[in-house]
Amino acid sequence: VQLQASGGGLVQAGGSLRLSCAASGRTSSYYVVAWFRQAPGKGREFVAAIRWSGGSTYYADSVKGRFTISTDNAKNMVYLQMNSLKPEDAAVYYCASDSGAHSRPFPVWVFATYEYVYWGQGTQVTVSS
């Protein structure tokens, strides 16, 4: 599975951006796709997750109510709509997908970086204050 993230850019605080992630190769609607982000000097952190088939969504507390993750399973696309952006949202955003093999039940594992085996190249989001 190859993932290609896009849609990043420069936005003023309070503005919006929509990130996209295109998947190619074999995916399963059962698998989970997620967004993570990494700011300079910090570790990669979970942002949001959803199954490729849609359904329940999971968010980091820091983005709840502002970000929305969605999928278009037919197009193998996942989106992250980001509203009310803050300077602390600035980071490189990565999309990631798992392979279905986990030692813990869903959705306990969705927040962990190491549970995802396929990663996109990242797209930069910059938020000016």
Protein backbone atom coordinates (compact mmCIF):
# COMPACT_ATOMS: atom_id res chain seq x y z
CA VAL A 1 0.00 0.00 0.00
CA GLN A 2 1.33 3.42 -0.94
CA LEU A 3 -0.06 6.57 0.67
CA GLN A 4 0.27 10.08 -0.73
CA ALA A 5 -0.68 13.03 1.48
CA SER A 6 -1.41 16.49 0.12
CA GLY A 7 -3.21 19.71 0.91
CA GLY A 8 -0.89 21.31 3.41
CA GLY A 9 0.02 24.96 3.28
CA LEU A 10 0.17 28.26 5.11
CA VAL A 11 -2.97 29.50 6.83
CA GLN A 12 -3.75 32.17 9.37
CA ALA A 13 -4.89 31.21 12.85
CA GLY A 14 -8.63 30.59 12.79
CA GLY A 15 -8.52 29.44 9.18
CA SER A 16 -9.17 26.06 7.61
CA LEU A 17 -7.35 23.49 5.52
CA ARG A 18 -8.36 20.16 4.05
CA LEU A 19 -5.75 17.45 3.84
CA SER A 20 -6.11 14.54 1.46
CA CYS A 21 -4.47 11.13 1.41
CA ALA A 22 -4.63 8.88 -1.63
CA ALA A 23 -4.01 5.16 -1.23
CA SER A 24 -2.84 2.85 -3.97
CA GLY A 25 -2.32 -0.86 -3.82
CA ARG A 26 -4.41 -3.37 -1.91
CA THR A 27 -6.42 -2.00 1.00
CA SER A 28 -9.21 -3.50 3.03
CA SER A 29 -12.32 -1.67 4.17
CA TYR A 30 -11.65 -3.34 7.52
CA TYR A 31 -8.31 -1.58 7.93
CA VAL A 32 -7.87 1.70 9.73
CA VAL A 33 -6.44 4.88 8.29
CA ALA A 34 -5.18 7.65 10.53
CA TRP A 35 -3.57 11.05 10.57
CA PHE A 36 -0.57 11.79 12.73
CA ARG A 37 1.48 14.95 13.03
CA GLN A 38 4.97 15.88 14.05
CA ALA A 39 6.10 19.35 15.04
CA PRO A 40 9.78 20.33 15.06
CA GLY A 41 11.59 18.83 18.02
CA LYS A 42 8.59 16.74 19.08
CA GLY A 43 7.49 13.16 18.63
CA ARG A 44 4.87 12.02 16.19
CA GLU A 45 1.42 12.27 17.71
CA PHE A 46 -1.98 10.83 16.91
CA VAL A 47 -4.57 13.17 15.41
CA ALA A 48 -7.52 11.15 14.09
CA ALA A 49 -8.48 7.69 12.81
CA ILE A 50 -11.30 5.92 10.98
CA ARG A 51 -11.84 2.61 9.21
CA TRP A 52 -11.56 2.75 5.43
CA SER A 53 -15.22 1.69 5.34
CA GLY A 54 -16.18 4.67 7.51
CA GLY A 55 -18.06 4.49 10.78
CA SER A 56 -16.74 5.53 14.18
CA THR A 57 -14.06 8.17 14.33
CA TYR A 58 -11.36 8.78 16.91
CA TYR A 59 -9.66 12.06 17.71
CA ALA A 60 -6.95 13.44 19.92
CA ASP A 61 -8.41 15.67 22.61
CA SER A 62 -6.49 18.63 21.21
CA VAL A 63 -8.41 18.52 17.90
CA LYS A 64 -11.87 17.35 18.94
CA GLY A 65 -14.58 19.65 17.65
CA ARG A 66 -12.22 21.29 15.15
CA PHE A 67 -10.98 18.47 12.90
CA THR A 68 -13.03 15.92 10.99
CA ILE A 69 -11.69 12.73 9.40
CA SER A 70 -13.61 11.09 6.58
CA THR A 71 -13.08 8.54 3.85
CA ASP A 72 -14.19 7.88 0.30
CA ASN A 73 -13.65 4.15 0.21
CA ALA A 74 -14.56 3.88 -3.47
CA LYS A 75 -11.76 6.31 -4.34
CA ASN A 76 -9.34 5.06 -1.67
CA MET A 77 -9.16 8.58 -0.27
CA VAL A 78 -9.09 9.85 3.31
CA TYR A 79 -9.53 13.47 4.27
CA LEU A 80 -8.82 15.61 7.29
CA GLN A 81 -10.86 18.79 7.46
CA MET A 82 -9.15 21.17 9.84
CA ASN A 83 -11.07 24.19 11.09
CA SER A 84 -10.26 26.89 13.63
CA LEU A 85 -6.57 26.21 13.21
CA LYS A 86 -4.20 27.28 15.94
CA PRO A 87 -0.45 27.96 15.81
CA GLU A 88 0.08 24.79 17.85
CA ASP A 89 -1.48 22.76 15.02
CA ALA A 90 1.52 23.56 12.83
CA ALA A 91 3.35 20.35 11.96
CA VAL A 92 4.04 17.86 9.23
CA TYR A 93 0.93 15.75 8.87
CA TYR A 94 1.18 12.10 7.89
CA CYS A 95 -1.48 9.63 6.85
CA ALA A 96 -0.98 6.02 7.86
CA SER A 97 -2.74 2.70 7.53
CA ASP A 98 -2.49 -0.59 9.35
CA SER A 99 -2.29 -4.14 8.03
CA GLY A 100 -4.89 -5.75 10.23
CA ALA A 101 -2.46 -7.48 12.62
CA HIS A 102 -2.71 -6.26 16.21
CA SER A 103 -2.26 -7.76 19.64
CA ARG A 104 -4.91 -5.54 21.19
CA PRO A 105 -8.59 -5.21 20.28
CA PHE A 106 -9.92 -2.39 18.15
CA PRO A 107 -10.09 0.51 18.91
CA VAL A 108 -7.61 0.35 21.78
CA TRP A 109 -4.63 0.39 19.44
CA VAL A 110 -5.65 3.16 17.01
CA PHE A 111 -3.77 5.87 18.93
CA ALA A 112 -0.37 4.18 18.76
CA THR A 113 2.12 5.14 16.07
CA TYR A 114 3.76 1.69 16.02
CA GLU A 115 0.50 -0.03 15.06
CA TYR A 116 0.62 1.46 11.56
CA VAL A 117 2.84 -0.05 8.90
CA TYR A 118 2.07 2.08 5.85
CA TRP A 119 2.96 5.76 5.91
CA GLY A 120 2.66 8.64 3.49
CA GLN A 121 5.43 11.17 2.97
CA GLY A 122 3.85 13.98 5.00
CA THR A 123 2.47 17.39 4.15
CA GLN A 124 3.48 20.59 5.93
CA VAL A 125 0.87 22.70 7.72
CA THR A 126 1.96 26.14 8.87
CA VAL A 127 -0.32 28.34 10.96
CA SER A 128 0.53 32.01 11.38
CA SER A 129 -0.63 33.89 14.45
